């Protein structure tokens, strides 16, 4: 790191982060939860599932009121999670040689 000496990050912080990533990177829940928070991944889902994404995004944006918005956001993330599992499964299957 260029500014390591002024970053307030210690060697232990870096080691802890590395350990956490190596431990959790293969967990489906962690992997999918990370992906659904990335705009690039959302765009990828829109490309592969245009109709489904349009439907779930329309439902999200049509909700009003705090309670409805919270519930809609939870449902939206659940839908993204399911689409992510579906797409990752297809992509990984293509990478596995016969």
PDB file of N, CA and C in Angstrom:
ATOM      1  N   UNK A   1       0.836  -1.176   0.000  1.00  0.00           N
ATOM      2  CA  UNK A   1       0.000   0.000   0.000  1.00  0.00           C
ATOM      3  C   UNK A   1       0.880   1.238   0.000  1.00  0.00           C
ATOM      4  N   UNK A   2       0.527   2.173  -0.819  1.00  0.00           N
ATOM      5  CA  UNK A   2       1.307   3.390  -0.967  1.00  0.00           C
ATOM      6  C   UNK A   2       1.347   4.201   0.323  1.00  0.00           C
ATOM      7  N   UNK A   3       0.229   4.324   0.995  1.00  0.00           N
ATOM      8  CA  UNK A   3       0.155   5.144   2.204  1.00  0.00           C
ATOM      9  C   UNK A   3      -0.089   4.292   3.445  1.00  0.00           C
ATOM     10  N   UNK A   4       0.549   3.135   3.490  1.00  0.00           N
ATOM     11  CA  UNK A   4       0.310   2.212   4.599  1.00  0.00           C
ATOM     12  C   UNK A   4       0.614   2.850   5.942  1.00  0.00           C
ATOM     13  N   UNK A   5       1.700   3.625   6.013  1.00  0.00           N
ATOM     14  CA  UNK A   5       2.114   4.189   7.296  1.00  0.00           C
ATOM     15  C   UNK A   5       1.150   5.246   7.840  1.00  0.00           C
ATOM     16  N   UNK A   6       0.265   5.791   7.020  1.00  0.00           N
ATOM     17  CA  UNK A   6      -0.707   6.772   7.512  1.00  0.00           C
ATOM     18  C   UNK A   6      -2.150   6.272   7.408  1.00  0.00           C
ATOM     19  N   UNK A   7      -2.329   5.018   7.076  1.00  0.00           N
ATOM     20  CA  UNK A   7      -3.673   4.484   6.835  1.00  0.00           C
ATOM     21  C   UNK A   7      -4.397   4.009   8.087  1.00  0.00           C
ATOM     22  N   UNK A   8      -3.721   3.889   9.189  1.00  0.00           N
ATOM     23  CA  UNK A   8      -4.293   3.360  10.435  1.00  0.00           C
ATOM     24  C   UNK A   8      -4.708   1.894  10.295  1.00  0.00           C
ATOM     25  N   UNK A   9      -4.210   1.226   9.291  1.00  0.00           N
ATOM     26  CA  UNK A   9      -4.448  -0.208   9.112  1.00  0.00           C
ATOM     27  C   UNK A   9      -3.188  -0.935   9.541  1.00  0.00           C
ATOM     28  N   UNK A  10      -3.379  -1.937  10.371  1.00  0.00           N
ATOM     29  CA  UNK A  10      -2.230  -2.689  10.875  1.00  0.00           C
ATOM     30  C   UNK A  10      -2.028  -3.963  10.066  1.00  0.00           C
ATOM     31  N   UNK A  11      -0.881  -4.558  10.262  1.00  0.00           N
ATOM     32  CA  UNK A  11      -0.618  -5.858   9.639  1.00  0.00           C
ATOM     33  C   UNK A  11      -1.651  -6.880  10.099  1.00  0.00           C
ATOM     34  N   UNK A  12      -2.061  -6.795  11.362  1.00  0.00           N
ATOM     35  CA  UNK A  12      -3.070  -7.712  11.895  1.00  0.00           C
ATOM     36  C   UNK A  12      -4.416  -7.498  11.207  1.00  0.00           C
ATOM     37  N   UNK A  13      -4.777  -6.238  10.916  1.00  0.00           N
ATOM     38  CA  UNK A  13      -6.012  -5.950  10.189  1.00  0.00           C
ATOM     39  C   UNK A  13      -5.993  -6.630   8.822  1.00  0.00           C
ATOM     40  N   UNK A  14      -4.866  -6.528   8.135  1.00  0.00           N
ATOM     41  CA  UNK A  14      -4.737  -7.153   6.818  1.00  0.00           C
ATOM     42  C   UNK A  14      -4.817  -8.670   6.925  1.00  0.00           C
ATOM     43  N   UNK A  15      -4.165  -9.227   7.925  1.00  0.00           N
ATOM     44  CA  UNK A  15      -4.200 -10.674   8.118  1.00  0.00           C
ATOM     45  C   UNK A  15      -5.609 -11.143   8.458  1.00  0.00           C
ATOM     46  N   UNK A  16      -6.314 -10.390   9.314  1.00  0.00           N
ATOM     47  CA  UNK A  16      -7.693 -10.737   9.665  1.00  0.00           C
ATOM     48  C   UNK A  16      -8.604 -10.693   8.432  1.00  0.00           C
ATOM     49  N   UNK A  17      -8.438  -9.680   7.608  1.00  0.00           N
ATOM     50  CA  UNK A  17      -9.244  -9.564   6.390  1.00  0.00           C
ATOM     51  C   UNK A  17      -8.960 -10.731   5.445  1.00  0.00           C
ATOM     52  N   UNK A  18      -7.702 -11.069   5.284  1.00  0.00           N
ATOM     53  CA  UNK A  18      -7.328 -12.189   4.422  1.00  0.00           C
ATOM     54  C   UNK A  18      -7.933 -13.493   4.938  1.00  0.00           C
ATOM     55  N   UNK A  19      -7.841 -13.717   6.233  1.00  0.00           N
ATOM     56  CA  UNK A  19      -8.392 -14.928   6.832  1.00  0.00           C
ATOM     57  C   UNK A  19      -9.903 -14.995   6.624  1.00  0.00           C
ATOM     58  N   UNK A  20     -10.585 -13.874   6.849  1.00  0.00           N
ATOM     59  CA  UNK A  20     -12.030 -13.826   6.668  1.00  0.00           C
ATOM     60  C   UNK A  20     -12.414 -14.148   5.231  1.00  0.00           C
ATOM     61  N   UNK A  21     -11.732 -13.539   4.282  1.00  0.00           N
ATOM     62  CA  UNK A  21     -12.049 -13.748   2.863  1.00  0.00           C
ATOM     63  C   UNK A  21     -11.786 -15.198   2.464  1.00  0.00           C
ATOM     64  N   UNK A  22     -10.641 -15.727   2.840  1.00  0.00           N
ATOM     65  CA  UNK A  22     -10.332 -17.104   2.478  1.00  0.00           C
ATOM     66  C   UNK A  22     -11.306 -18.094   3.115  1.00  0.00           C
ATOM     67  N   UNK A  23     -11.772 -17.783   4.311  1.00  0.00           N
ATOM     68  CA  UNK A  23     -12.713 -18.670   5.005  1.00  0.00           C
ATOM     69  C   UNK A  23     -14.105 -18.621   4.380  1.00  0.00           C
ATOM     70  N   UNK A  24     -14.527 -17.449   3.939  1.00  0.00           N
ATOM     71  CA  UNK A  24     -15.914 -17.252   3.516  1.00  0.00           C
ATOM     72  C   UNK A  24     -16.141 -17.187   2.013  1.00  0.00           C
ATOM     73  N   UNK A  25     -15.122 -17.138   1.221  1.00  0.00           N
ATOM     74  CA  UNK A  25     -15.320 -16.894  -0.216  1.00  0.00           C
ATOM     75  C   UNK A  25     -16.052 -18.013  -0.942  1.00  0.00           C
ATOM     76  N   UNK A  26     -16.041 -19.212  -0.398  1.00  0.00           N
ATOM     77  CA  UNK A  26     -16.713 -20.326  -1.059  1.00  0.00           C
ATOM     78  C   UNK A  26     -18.099 -20.615  -0.488  1.00  0.00           C
ATOM     79  N   UNK A  27     -18.525 -19.823   0.463  1.00  0.00           N
ATOM     80  CA  UNK A  27     -19.860 -20.001   1.023  1.00  0.00           C
ATOM     81  C   UNK A  27     -20.878 -19.380   0.080  1.00  0.00           C
ATOM     82  N   UNK A  28     -21.843 -20.171  -0.325  1.00  0.00           N
ATOM     83  CA  UNK A  28     -22.847 -19.715  -1.283  1.00  0.00           C
ATOM     84  C   UNK A  28     -23.540 -18.443  -0.803  1.00  0.00           C
ATOM     85  N   UNK A  29     -23.916 -18.408   0.459  1.00  0.00           N
ATOM     86  CA  UNK A  29     -24.640 -17.253   0.985  1.00  0.00           C
ATOM     87  C   UNK A  29     -23.791 -15.989   0.946  1.00  0.00           C
ATOM     88  N   UNK A  30     -22.545 -16.100   1.339  1.00  0.00           N
ATOM     89  CA  UNK A  30     -21.654 -14.942   1.341  1.00  0.00           C
ATOM     90  C   UNK A  30     -21.401 -14.466  -0.084  1.00  0.00           C
ATOM     91  N   UNK A  31     -21.133 -15.398  -0.964  1.00  0.00           N
ATOM     92  CA  UNK A  31     -20.849 -15.093  -2.366  1.00  0.00           C
ATOM     93  C   UNK A  31     -22.046 -14.412  -3.030  1.00  0.00           C
ATOM     94  N   UNK A  32     -23.218 -14.987  -2.876  1.00  0.00           N
ATOM     95  CA  UNK A  32     -24.425 -14.421  -3.498  1.00  0.00           C
ATOM     96  C   UNK A  32     -24.809 -13.093  -2.870  1.00  0.00           C
ATOM     97  N   UNK A  33     -24.693 -12.986  -1.569  1.00  0.00           N
ATOM     98  CA  UNK A  33     -25.023 -11.727  -0.898  1.00  0.00           C
ATOM     99  C   UNK A  33     -24.113 -10.602  -1.363  1.00  0.00           C
ATOM    100  N   UNK A  34     -22.841 -10.919  -1.568  1.00  0.00           N
ATOM    101  CA  UNK A  34     -21.916  -9.914  -2.089  1.00  0.00           C
ATOM    102  C   UNK A  34     -22.316  -9.504  -3.504  1.00  0.00           C
ATOM    103  N   UNK A  35     -22.584 -10.481  -4.356  1.00  0.00           N
ATOM    104  CA  UNK A  35     -22.907 -10.180  -5.751  1.00  0.00           C
ATOM    105  C   UNK A  35     -24.158  -9.317  -5.891  1.00  0.00           C
ATOM    106  N   UNK A  36     -25.199  -9.610  -5.133  1.00  0.00           N
ATOM    107  CA  UNK A  36     -26.450  -8.873  -5.322  1.00  0.00           C
ATOM    108  C   UNK A  36     -26.368  -7.428  -4.843  1.00  0.00           C
ATOM    109  N   UNK A  37     -25.276  -7.066  -4.206  1.00  0.00           N
ATOM    110  CA  UNK A  37     -25.061  -5.672  -3.798  1.00  0.00           C
ATOM    111  C   UNK A  37     -24.256  -4.892  -4.837  1.00  0.00           C
ATOM    112  N   UNK A  38     -23.814  -5.565  -5.912  1.00  0.00           N
ATOM    113  CA  UNK A  38     -22.970  -4.926  -6.920  1.00  0.00           C
ATOM    114  C   UNK A  38     -23.792  -4.535  -8.146  1.00  0.00           C
ATOM    115  N   UNK A  39     -23.692  -3.276  -8.556  1.00  0.00           N
ATOM    116  CA  UNK A  39     -24.462  -2.792  -9.703  1.00  0.00           C
ATOM    117  C   UNK A  39     -24.090  -3.552 -10.983  1.00  0.00           C
ATOM    118  N   UNK A  40     -22.833  -3.889 -11.141  1.00  0.00           N
ATOM    119  CA  UNK A  40     -22.412  -4.655 -12.320  1.00  0.00           C
ATOM    120  C   UNK A  40     -23.127  -6.008 -12.376  1.00  0.00           C
ATOM    121  N   UNK A  41     -23.282  -6.646 -11.224  1.00  0.00           N
ATOM    122  CA  UNK A  41     -23.977  -7.939 -11.182  1.00  0.00           C
ATOM    123  C   UNK A  41     -25.462  -7.769 -11.465  1.00  0.00           C
ATOM    124  N   UNK A  42     -26.055  -6.705 -10.934  1.00  0.00           N
ATOM    125  CA  UNK A  42     -27.471  -6.434 -11.212  1.00  0.00           C
ATOM    126  C   UNK A  42     -27.668  -6.266 -12.721  1.00  0.00           C
ATOM    127  N   UNK A  43     -26.744  -5.570 -13.361  1.00  0.00           N
ATOM    128  CA  UNK A  43     -26.818  -5.408 -14.819  1.00  0.00           C
ATOM    129  C   UNK A  43     -26.661  -6.745 -15.535  1.00  0.00           C
ATOM    130  N   UNK A  44     -25.838  -7.612 -14.998  1.00  0.00           N
ATOM    131  CA  UNK A  44     -25.673  -8.952 -15.565  1.00  0.00           C
ATOM    132  C   UNK A  44     -26.976  -9.738 -15.450  1.00  0.00           C
ATOM    133  N   UNK A  45     -27.627  -9.637 -14.307  1.00  0.00           N
ATOM    134  CA  UNK A  45     -28.925 -10.306 -14.133  1.00  0.00           C
ATOM    135  C   UNK A  45     -29.957  -9.726 -15.098  1.00  0.00           C
ATOM    136  N   UNK A  46     -29.922  -8.414 -15.292  1.00  0.00           N
ATOM    137  CA  UNK A  46     -30.852  -7.787 -16.240  1.00  0.00           C
ATOM    138  C   UNK A  46     -30.626  -8.317 -17.654  1.00  0.00           C
ATOM    139  N   UNK A  47     -29.378  -8.551 -17.999  1.00  0.00           N
ATOM    140  CA  UNK A  47     -29.050  -9.067 -19.328  1.00  0.00           C
ATOM    141  C   UNK A  47     -29.560 -10.498 -19.506  1.00  0.00           C
ATOM    142  N   UNK A  48     -29.338 -11.340 -18.503  1.00  0.00           N
ATOM    143  CA  UNK A  48     -29.696 -12.757 -18.614  1.00  0.00           C
ATOM    144  C   UNK A  48     -31.166 -13.055 -18.316  1.00  0.00           C
ATOM    145  N   UNK A  49     -31.791 -12.215 -17.508  1.00  0.00           N
ATOM    146  CA  UNK A  49     -33.192 -12.414 -17.127  1.00  0.00           C
ATOM    147  C   UNK A  49     -33.978 -11.115 -17.295  1.00  0.00           C
ATOM    148  N   UNK A  50     -34.075 -10.590 -18.503  1.00  0.00           N
ATOM    149  CA  UNK A  50     -34.685  -9.266 -18.683  1.00  0.00           C
ATOM    150  C   UNK A  50     -36.139  -9.176 -18.217  1.00  0.00           C
ATOM    151  N   UNK A  51     -36.952 -10.146 -18.548  1.00  0.00           N
ATOM    152  CA  UNK A  51     -38.369 -10.087 -18.166  1.00  0.00           C
ATOM    153  C   UNK A  51     -38.539 -10.207 -16.647  1.00  0.00           C
ATOM    154  N   UNK A  52     -37.843 -11.160 -16.063  1.00  0.00           N
ATOM    155  CA  UNK A  52     -37.950 -11.381 -14.617  1.00  0.00           C
ATOM    156  C   UNK A  52     -37.451 -10.156 -13.854  1.00  0.00           C
ATOM    157  N   UNK A  53     -36.333  -9.594 -14.276  1.00  0.00           N
ATOM    158  CA  UNK A  53     -35.792  -8.420 -13.597  1.00  0.00           C
ATOM    159  C   UNK A  53     -36.735  -7.228 -13.733  1.00  0.00           C
ATOM    160  N   UNK A  54     -37.317  -7.062 -14.900  1.00  0.00           N
ATOM    161  CA  UNK A  54     -38.260  -5.953 -15.093  1.00  0.00           C
ATOM    162  C   UNK A  54     -39.449  -6.112 -14.148  1.00  0.00           C
ATOM    163  N   UNK A  55     -39.931  -7.333 -14.021  1.00  0.00           N
ATOM    164  CA  UNK A  55     -41.067  -7.604 -13.142  1.00  0.00           C
ATOM    165  C   UNK A  55     -40.723  -7.308 -11.686  1.00  0.00           C
ATOM    166  N   UNK A  56     -39.620  -7.836 -11.200  1.00  0.00           N
ATOM    167  CA  UNK A  56     -39.306  -7.641  -9.781  1.00  0.00           C
ATOM    168  C   UNK A  56     -38.916  -6.196  -9.484  1.00  0.00           C
ATOM    169  N   UNK A  57     -38.297  -5.511 -10.441  1.00  0.00           N
ATOM    170  CA  UNK A  57     -37.966  -4.105 -10.221  1.00  0.00           C
ATOM    171  C   UNK A  57     -39.221  -3.235 -10.258  1.00  0.00           C
ATOM    172  N   UNK A  58     -40.175  -3.577 -11.098  1.00  0.00           N
ATOM    173  CA  UNK A  58     -41.434  -2.836 -11.147  1.00  0.00           C
ATOM    174  C   UNK A  58     -42.174  -2.960  -9.826  1.00  0.00           C
ATOM    175  N   UNK A  59     -42.233  -4.175  -9.296  1.00  0.00           N
ATOM    176  CA  UNK A  59     -42.888  -4.401  -8.001  1.00  0.00           C
ATOM    177  C   UNK A  59     -42.194  -3.578  -6.916  1.00  0.00           C
ATOM    178  N   UNK A  60     -40.860  -3.555  -6.934  1.00  0.00           N
ATOM    179  CA  UNK A  60     -40.113  -2.800  -5.935  1.00  0.00           C
ATOM    180  C   UNK A  60     -40.452  -1.312  -6.003  1.00  0.00           C
ATOM    181  N   UNK A  61     -40.443  -0.760  -7.199  1.00  0.00           N
ATOM    182  CA  UNK A  61     -40.638   0.681  -7.352  1.00  0.00           C
ATOM    183  C   UNK A  61     -42.085   1.125  -7.201  1.00  0.00           C
ATOM    184  N   UNK A  62     -43.028   0.208  -7.292  1.00  0.00           N
ATOM    185  CA  UNK A  62     -44.434   0.572  -7.149  1.00  0.00           C
ATOM    186  C   UNK A  62     -44.895   0.596  -5.696  1.00  0.00           C
ATOM    187  N   UNK A  63     -44.100   0.064  -4.798  1.00  0.00           N
ATOM    188  CA  UNK A  63     -44.487   0.036  -3.383  1.00  0.00           C
ATOM    189  C   UNK A  63     -44.372   1.432  -2.787  1.00  0.00           C
ATOM    190  N   UNK A  64     -45.278   1.730  -1.883  1.00  0.00           N
ATOM    191  CA  UNK A  64     -45.241   3.004  -1.168  1.00  0.00           C
ATOM    192  C   UNK A  64     -45.371   2.723   0.318  1.00  0.00           C
ATOM    193  N   UNK A  65     -44.984   3.681   1.120  1.00  0.00           N
ATOM    194  CA  UNK A  65     -45.047   3.493   2.563  1.00  0.00           C
ATOM    195  C   UNK A  65     -43.816   2.762   3.069  1.00  0.00           C
ATOM    196  N   UNK A  66     -43.426   3.072   4.274  1.00  0.00           N
ATOM    197  CA  UNK A  66     -42.205   2.513   4.848  1.00  0.00           C
ATOM    198  C   UNK A  66     -42.275   0.996   4.970  1.00  0.00           C
ATOM    199  N   UNK A  67     -43.358   0.483   5.549  1.00  0.00           N
ATOM    200  CA  UNK A  67     -43.473  -0.963   5.746  1.00  0.00           C
ATOM    201  C   UNK A  67     -43.464  -1.713   4.420  1.00  0.00           C
ATOM    202  N   UNK A  68     -44.195  -1.202   3.446  1.00  0.00           N
ATOM    203  CA  UNK A  68     -44.225  -1.845   2.130  1.00  0.00           C
ATOM    204  C   UNK A  68     -42.856  -1.792   1.461  1.00  0.00           C
ATOM    205  N   UNK A  69     -42.152  -0.682   1.622  1.00  0.00           N
ATOM    206  CA  UNK A  69     -40.827  -0.550   0.996  1.00  0.00           C
ATOM    207  C   UNK A  69     -39.823  -1.525   1.607  1.00  0.00           C
ATOM    208  N   UNK A  70     -39.860  -1.674   2.915  1.00  0.00           N
ATOM    209  CA  UNK A  70     -38.958  -2.614   3.589  1.00  0.00           C
ATOM    210  C   UNK A  70     -39.247  -4.032   3.124  1.00  0.00           C
ATOM    211  N   UNK A  71     -40.520  -4.391   3.078  1.00  0.00           N
ATOM    212  CA  UNK A  71     -40.900  -5.725   2.621  1.00  0.00           C
ATOM    213  C   UNK A  71     -40.528  -5.919   1.157  1.00  0.00           C
ATOM    214  N   UNK A  72     -40.757  -4.903   0.327  1.00  0.00           N
ATOM    215  CA  UNK A  72     -40.433  -4.999  -1.098  1.00  0.00           C
ATOM    216  C   UNK A  72     -38.933  -5.157  -1.306  1.00  0.00           C
ATOM    217  N   UNK A  73     -38.137  -4.448  -0.528  1.00  0.00           N
ATOM    218  CA  UNK A  73     -36.687  -4.564  -0.656  1.00  0.00           C
ATOM    219  C   UNK A  73     -36.213  -5.958  -0.257  1.00  0.00           C
ATOM    220  N   UNK A  74     -36.782  -6.508   0.799  1.00  0.00           N
ATOM    221  CA  UNK A  74     -36.438  -7.881   1.201  1.00  0.00           C
ATOM    222  C   UNK A  74     -36.801  -8.880   0.099  1.00  0.00           C
ATOM    223  N   UNK A  75     -37.994  -8.714  -0.469  1.00  0.00           N
ATOM    224  CA  UNK A  75     -38.431  -9.604  -1.548  1.00  0.00           C
ATOM    225  C   UNK A  75     -37.533  -9.441  -2.774  1.00  0.00           C
ATOM    226  N   UNK A  76     -37.178  -8.211  -3.081  1.00  0.00           N
ATOM    227  CA  UNK A  76     -36.288  -7.923  -4.215  1.00  0.00           C
ATOM    228  C   UNK A  76     -34.949  -8.630  -4.034  1.00  0.00           C
ATOM    229  N   UNK A  77     -34.367  -8.495  -2.842  1.00  0.00           N
ATOM    230  CA  UNK A  77     -33.069  -9.137  -2.585  1.00  0.00           C
ATOM    231  C   UNK A  77     -33.186 -10.659  -2.636  1.00  0.00           C
ATOM    232  N   UNK A  78     -34.289 -11.200  -2.145  1.00  0.00           N
ATOM    233  CA  UNK A  78     -34.501 -12.649  -2.227  1.00  0.00           C
ATOM    234  C   UNK A  78     -34.587 -13.111  -3.683  1.00  0.00           C
ATOM    235  N   UNK A  79     -35.292 -12.348  -4.497  1.00  0.00           N
ATOM    236  CA  UNK A  79     -35.394 -12.678  -5.930  1.00  0.00           C
ATOM    237  C   UNK A  79     -34.024 -12.597  -6.599  1.00  0.00           C
ATOM    238  N   UNK A  80     -33.255 -11.549  -6.279  1.00  0.00           N
ATOM    239  CA  UNK A  80     -31.907 -11.422  -6.837  1.00  0.00           C
ATOM    240  C   UNK A  80     -31.037 -12.599  -6.411  1.00  0.00           C
ATOM    241  N   UNK A  81     -31.169 -12.994  -5.167  1.00  0.00           N
ATOM    242  CA  UNK A  81     -30.408 -14.119  -4.629  1.00  0.00           C
ATOM    243  C   UNK A  81     -30.717 -15.393  -5.418  1.00  0.00           C
ATOM    244  N   UNK A  82     -31.995 -15.657  -5.645  1.00  0.00           N
ATOM    245  CA  UNK A  82     -32.402 -16.855  -6.390  1.00  0.00           C
ATOM    246  C   UNK A  82     -31.909 -16.806  -7.838  1.00  0.00           C
ATOM    247  N   UNK A  83     -32.020 -15.643  -8.478  1.00  0.00           N
ATOM    248  CA  UNK A  83     -31.524 -15.515  -9.853  1.00  0.00           C
ATOM    249  C   UNK A  83     -30.007 -15.681  -9.900  1.00  0.00           C
ATOM    250  N   UNK A  84     -29.337 -15.190  -8.884  1.00  0.00           N
ATOM    251  CA  UNK A  84     -27.876 -15.329  -8.810  1.00  0.00           C
ATOM    252  C   UNK A  84     -27.486 -16.788  -8.716  1.00  0.00           C
ATOM    253  N   UNK A  85     -28.163 -17.535  -7.853  1.00  0.00           N
ATOM    254  CA  UNK A  85     -27.873 -18.971  -7.732  1.00  0.00           C
ATOM    255  C   UNK A  85     -28.099 -19.668  -9.069  1.00  0.00           C
ATOM    256  N   UNK A  86     -29.195 -19.329  -9.721  1.00  0.00           N
ATOM    257  CA  UNK A  86     -29.515 -19.945 -11.005  1.00  0.00           C
ATOM    258  C   UNK A  86     -28.438 -19.639 -12.048  1.00  0.00           C
ATOM    259  N   UNK A  87     -28.052 -18.372 -12.150  1.00  0.00           N
ATOM    260  CA  UNK A  87     -27.075 -17.978 -13.166  1.00  0.00           C
ATOM    261  C   UNK A  87     -25.689 -18.528 -12.859  1.00  0.00           C
ATOM    262  N   UNK A  88     -25.270 -18.439 -11.619  1.00  0.00           N
ATOM    263  CA  UNK A  88     -23.942 -18.961 -11.241  1.00  0.00           C
ATOM    264  C   UNK A  88     -23.884 -20.460 -11.492  1.00  0.00           C
ATOM    265  N   UNK A  89     -24.945 -21.169 -11.205  1.00  0.00           N
ATOM    266  CA  UNK A  89     -24.976 -22.614 -11.450  1.00  0.00           C
ATOM    267  C   UNK A  89     -24.795 -22.921 -12.933  1.00  0.00           C
ATOM    268  N   UNK A  90     -25.474 -22.164 -13.774  1.00  0.00           N
ATOM    269  CA  UNK A  90     -25.354 -22.362 -15.226  1.00  0.00           C
ATOM    270  C   UNK A  90     -23.939 -22.041 -15.688  1.00  0.00           C
ATOM    271  N   UNK A  91     -23.406 -20.914 -15.216  1.00  0.00           N
ATOM    272  CA  UNK A  91     -22.065 -20.506 -15.641  1.00  0.00           C
ATOM    273  C   UNK A  91     -21.010 -21.489 -15.163  1.00  0.00           C
ATOM    274  N   UNK A  92     -21.129 -21.964 -13.942  1.00  0.00           N
ATOM    275  CA  UNK A  92     -20.163 -22.933 -13.442  1.00  0.00           C
ATOM    276  C   UNK A  92     -20.259 -24.251 -14.177  1.00  0.00           C
ATOM    277  N   UNK A  93     -21.464 -24.670 -14.527  1.00  0.00           N
ATOM    278  CA  UNK A  93     -21.649 -25.912 -15.254  1.00  0.00           C
ATOM    279  C   UNK A  93     -20.940 -25.847 -16.614  1.00  0.00           C
ATOM    280  N   UNK A  94     -20.975 -24.682 -17.244  1.00  0.00           N
ATOM    281  CA  UNK A  94     -20.289 -24.509 -18.525  1.00  0.00           C
ATOM    282  C   UNK A  94     -18.782 -24.607 -18.392  1.00  0.00           C
ATOM    283  N   UNK A  95     -18.250 -24.245 -17.219  1.00  0.00           N
ATOM    284  CA  UNK A  95     -16.809 -24.247 -17.022  1.00  0.00           C
ATOM    285  C   UNK A  95     -16.262 -25.627 -16.675  1.00  0.00           C
ATOM    286  N   UNK A  96     -17.133 -26.516 -16.236  1.00  0.00           N
ATOM    287  CA  UNK A  96     -16.677 -27.847 -15.839  1.00  0.00           C
ATOM    288  C   UNK A  96     -16.493 -28.701 -17.092  1.00  0.00           C
ATOM    289  N   UNK A  97     -15.269 -29.180 -17.335  1.00  0.00           N
ATOM    290  CA  UNK A  97     -15.028 -30.005 -18.512  1.00  0.00           C
ATOM    291  C   UNK A  97     -15.714 -31.365 -18.414  1.00  0.00           C
ATOM    292  N   UNK A  98     -16.062 -31.916 -19.563  1.00  0.00           N
ATOM    293  CA  UNK A  98     -16.692 -33.247 -19.594  1.00  0.00           C
ATOM    294  C   UNK A  98     -15.722 -34.333 -19.233  1.00  0.00           C
TER     295      UNK A  98
END
